[in-house]
Amino acid sequence: MAESSKVGKRGTIVLPAKLRRRYGINEGTMVVAEEAPPYGILIRPAAVVPLEIYTPERKAEFLLTNATNAKDYRRAQQEVRRLELDPMKVRHRKPRKR
């Protein structure tokens, strides 16, 4: 399927409605434009993944909470101390005794 569009001010391009519907491109959808030699330019929906940056406190919480036994918990405590945090002041769940 090929349809022509005109390039507007600031390089804007209007994508035909049939193509937008087929590929789920709506107003506000992020797209990726990349070179596609020898054909020209490929425009496709972008996969946008939120990025979370963890604080040292959050990393410490993960380390301590995910410990599965006493030995693993001691190792997690050491790692938390390397983050210059006190393991006893970090909110977490201790592993269950078996």
C-alpha atoms as a PDB file:
ATOM      1  CA  MET A   1       0.000   0.000   0.000  1.00  0.00           C
ATOM      2  CA  ALA A   2       1.504   3.297  -1.035  1.00  0.00           C
ATOM      3  CA  GLU A   3       0.026   6.750  -0.513  1.00  0.00           C
ATOM      4  CA  SER A   4       1.739  10.074  -0.902  1.00  0.00           C
ATOM      5  CA  SER A   5       1.962  12.794   1.715  1.00  0.00           C
ATOM      6  CA  LYS A   6       3.344  16.282   1.679  1.00  0.00           C
ATOM      7  CA  VAL A   7       6.114  17.429   4.005  1.00  0.00           C
ATOM      8  CA  GLY A   8       4.955  20.479   5.926  1.00  0.00           C
ATOM      9  CA  LYS A   9       6.652  23.166   7.958  1.00  0.00           C
ATOM     10  CA  ARG A  10       9.331  21.915  10.329  1.00  0.00           C
ATOM     11  CA  GLY A  11       9.371  18.543   8.512  1.00  0.00           C
ATOM     12  CA  THR A  12       5.933  17.371   9.636  1.00  0.00           C
ATOM     13  CA  ILE A  13       4.410  14.496   7.674  1.00  0.00           C
ATOM     14  CA  VAL A  14       0.755  13.473   7.742  1.00  0.00           C
ATOM     15  CA  LEU A  15       0.464   9.689   7.700  1.00  0.00           C
ATOM     16  CA  PRO A  16      -2.590   8.336   5.878  1.00  0.00           C
ATOM     17  CA  ALA A  17      -5.429   7.293   8.238  1.00  0.00           C
ATOM     18  CA  LYS A  18      -5.483   3.687   6.940  1.00  0.00           C
ATOM     19  CA  LEU A  19      -1.807   3.237   7.826  1.00  0.00           C
ATOM     20  CA  ARG A  20      -2.197   4.904  11.229  1.00  0.00           C
ATOM     21  CA  ARG A  21      -5.097   2.587  12.105  1.00  0.00           C
ATOM     22  CA  ARG A  22      -3.307  -0.527  10.823  1.00  0.00           C
ATOM     23  CA  TYR A  23      -0.193   0.181  12.909  1.00  0.00           C
ATOM     24  CA  GLY A  24      -1.868   1.690  15.965  1.00  0.00           C
ATOM     25  CA  ILE A  25      -0.411   5.140  15.528  1.00  0.00           C
ATOM     26  CA  ASN A  26      -2.570   7.765  17.226  1.00  0.00           C
ATOM     27  CA  GLU A  27      -2.010  11.352  18.260  1.00  0.00           C
ATOM     28  CA  GLY A  28       0.805  11.345  20.809  1.00  0.00           C
ATOM     29  CA  THR A  29       2.180   7.935  19.764  1.00  0.00           C
ATOM     30  CA  MET A  30       5.980   7.892  19.798  1.00  0.00           C
ATOM     31  CA  VAL A  31       7.542   6.789  16.497  1.00  0.00           C
ATOM     32  CA  VAL A  32      11.053   5.955  15.369  1.00  0.00           C
ATOM     33  CA  ALA A  33      12.358   7.278  12.054  1.00  0.00           C
ATOM     34  CA  GLU A  34      15.444   5.508  10.795  1.00  0.00           C
ATOM     35  CA  GLU A  35      17.441   5.101   7.622  1.00  0.00           C
ATOM     36  CA  ALA A  36      16.476   2.018   5.647  1.00  0.00           C
ATOM     37  CA  PRO A  37      18.925   1.825   2.724  1.00  0.00           C
ATOM     38  CA  PRO A  38      18.299   1.521  -0.142  1.00  0.00           C
ATOM     39  CA  TYR A  39      14.599   2.289   0.388  1.00  0.00           C
ATOM     40  CA  GLY A  40      14.783   5.591   2.246  1.00  0.00           C
ATOM     41  CA  ILE A  41      13.218   6.224   5.665  1.00  0.00           C
ATOM     42  CA  LEU A  42      11.353   3.724   7.840  1.00  0.00           C
ATOM     43  CA  ILE A  43       8.821   5.177  10.298  1.00  0.00           C
ATOM     44  CA  ARG A  44       7.443   2.766  12.893  1.00  0.00           C
ATOM     45  CA  PRO A  45       5.808   2.875  16.330  1.00  0.00           C
ATOM     46  CA  ALA A  46       8.405   3.121  19.085  1.00  0.00           C
ATOM     47  CA  ALA A  47       8.556   0.830  22.084  1.00  0.00           C
ATOM     48  CA  VAL A  48       8.836   3.178  25.062  1.00  0.00           C
ATOM     49  CA  VAL A  49       9.896   1.580  28.328  1.00  0.00           C
ATOM     50  CA  PRO A  50       9.854   3.597  31.531  1.00  0.00           C
ATOM     51  CA  LEU A  51      13.219   3.810  33.234  1.00  0.00           C
ATOM     52  CA  GLU A  52      13.466   3.652  36.998  1.00  0.00           C
ATOM     53  CA  ILE A  53      16.665   4.769  38.690  1.00  0.00           C
ATOM     54  CA  TYR A  54      17.045   3.195  42.110  1.00  0.00           C
ATOM     55  CA  THR A  55      18.400   5.067  45.104  1.00  0.00           C
ATOM     56  CA  PRO A  56      20.960   3.318  47.317  1.00  0.00           C
ATOM     57  CA  GLU A  57      18.202   2.895  49.932  1.00  0.00           C
ATOM     58  CA  ARG A  58      15.947   1.126  47.426  1.00  0.00           C
ATOM     59  CA  LYS A  59      18.828  -1.133  46.308  1.00  0.00           C
ATOM     60  CA  ALA A  60      19.468  -1.985  49.958  1.00  0.00           C
ATOM     61  CA  GLU A  61      15.782  -2.827  50.449  1.00  0.00           C
ATOM     62  CA  PHE A  62      15.898  -5.191  47.441  1.00  0.00           C
ATOM     63  CA  LEU A  63      19.083  -6.869  48.662  1.00  0.00           C
ATOM     64  CA  LEU A  64      17.794  -7.471  52.184  1.00  0.00           C
ATOM     65  CA  THR A  65      14.228  -8.446  51.284  1.00  0.00           C
ATOM     66  CA  ASN A  66      15.290 -10.906  48.587  1.00  0.00           C
ATOM     67  CA  ALA A  67      17.647 -12.862  50.853  1.00  0.00           C
ATOM     68  CA  THR A  68      16.445 -16.461  51.003  1.00  0.00           C
ATOM     69  CA  ASN A  69      18.272 -17.756  54.089  1.00  0.00           C
ATOM     70  CA  ALA A  70      20.474 -16.604  56.956  1.00  0.00           C
ATOM     71  CA  LYS A  71      23.727 -16.912  55.002  1.00  0.00           C
ATOM     72  CA  ASP A  72      22.291 -14.977  52.062  1.00  0.00           C
ATOM     73  CA  TYR A  73      20.928 -12.349  54.486  1.00  0.00           C
ATOM     74  CA  ARG A  74      24.403 -11.841  56.028  1.00  0.00           C
ATOM     75  CA  ARG A  75      25.852 -11.346  52.533  1.00  0.00           C
ATOM     76  CA  ALA A  76      23.101  -8.830  51.756  1.00  0.00           C
ATOM     77  CA  GLN A  77      23.885  -6.947  54.976  1.00  0.00           C
ATOM     78  CA  GLN A  78      27.558  -6.730  53.950  1.00  0.00           C
ATOM     79  CA  GLU A  79      26.580  -5.406  50.531  1.00  0.00           C
ATOM     80  CA  VAL A  80      24.311  -2.802  52.136  1.00  0.00           C
ATOM     81  CA  ARG A  81      27.190  -1.672  54.364  1.00  0.00           C
ATOM     82  CA  ARG A  82      29.283  -1.241  51.191  1.00  0.00           C
ATOM     83  CA  LEU A  83      26.560   1.182  50.074  1.00  0.00           C
ATOM     84  CA  GLU A  84      27.395   3.075  53.291  1.00  0.00           C
ATOM     85  CA  LEU A  85      23.979   2.327  54.813  1.00  0.00           C
ATOM     86  CA  ASP A  86      22.991   0.709  58.091  1.00  0.00           C
ATOM     87  CA  PRO A  87      21.058  -2.508  57.292  1.00  0.00           C
ATOM     88  CA  MET A  88      19.035  -2.153  60.489  1.00  0.00           C
ATOM     89  CA  LYS A  89      17.707   1.252  59.370  1.00  0.00           C
ATOM     90  CA  VAL A  90      16.555   0.027  55.946  1.00  0.00           C
ATOM     91  CA  ARG A  91      12.900  -0.968  55.682  1.00  0.00           C
ATOM     92  CA  HIS A  92      12.757  -4.648  54.652  1.00  0.00           C
ATOM     93  CA  ARG A  93      11.466  -8.128  55.460  1.00  0.00           C
ATOM     94  CA  LYS A  94      13.885 -10.602  56.952  1.00  0.00           C
ATOM     95  CA  PRO A  95      13.958 -14.153  55.532  1.00  0.00           C
ATOM     96  CA  ARG A  96      11.849 -16.708  57.373  1.00  0.00           C
ATOM     97  CA  LYS A  97      13.657 -19.221  59.540  1.00  0.00           C
ATOM     98  CA  ARG A  98      13.262 -22.782  58.333  1.00  0.00           C
END
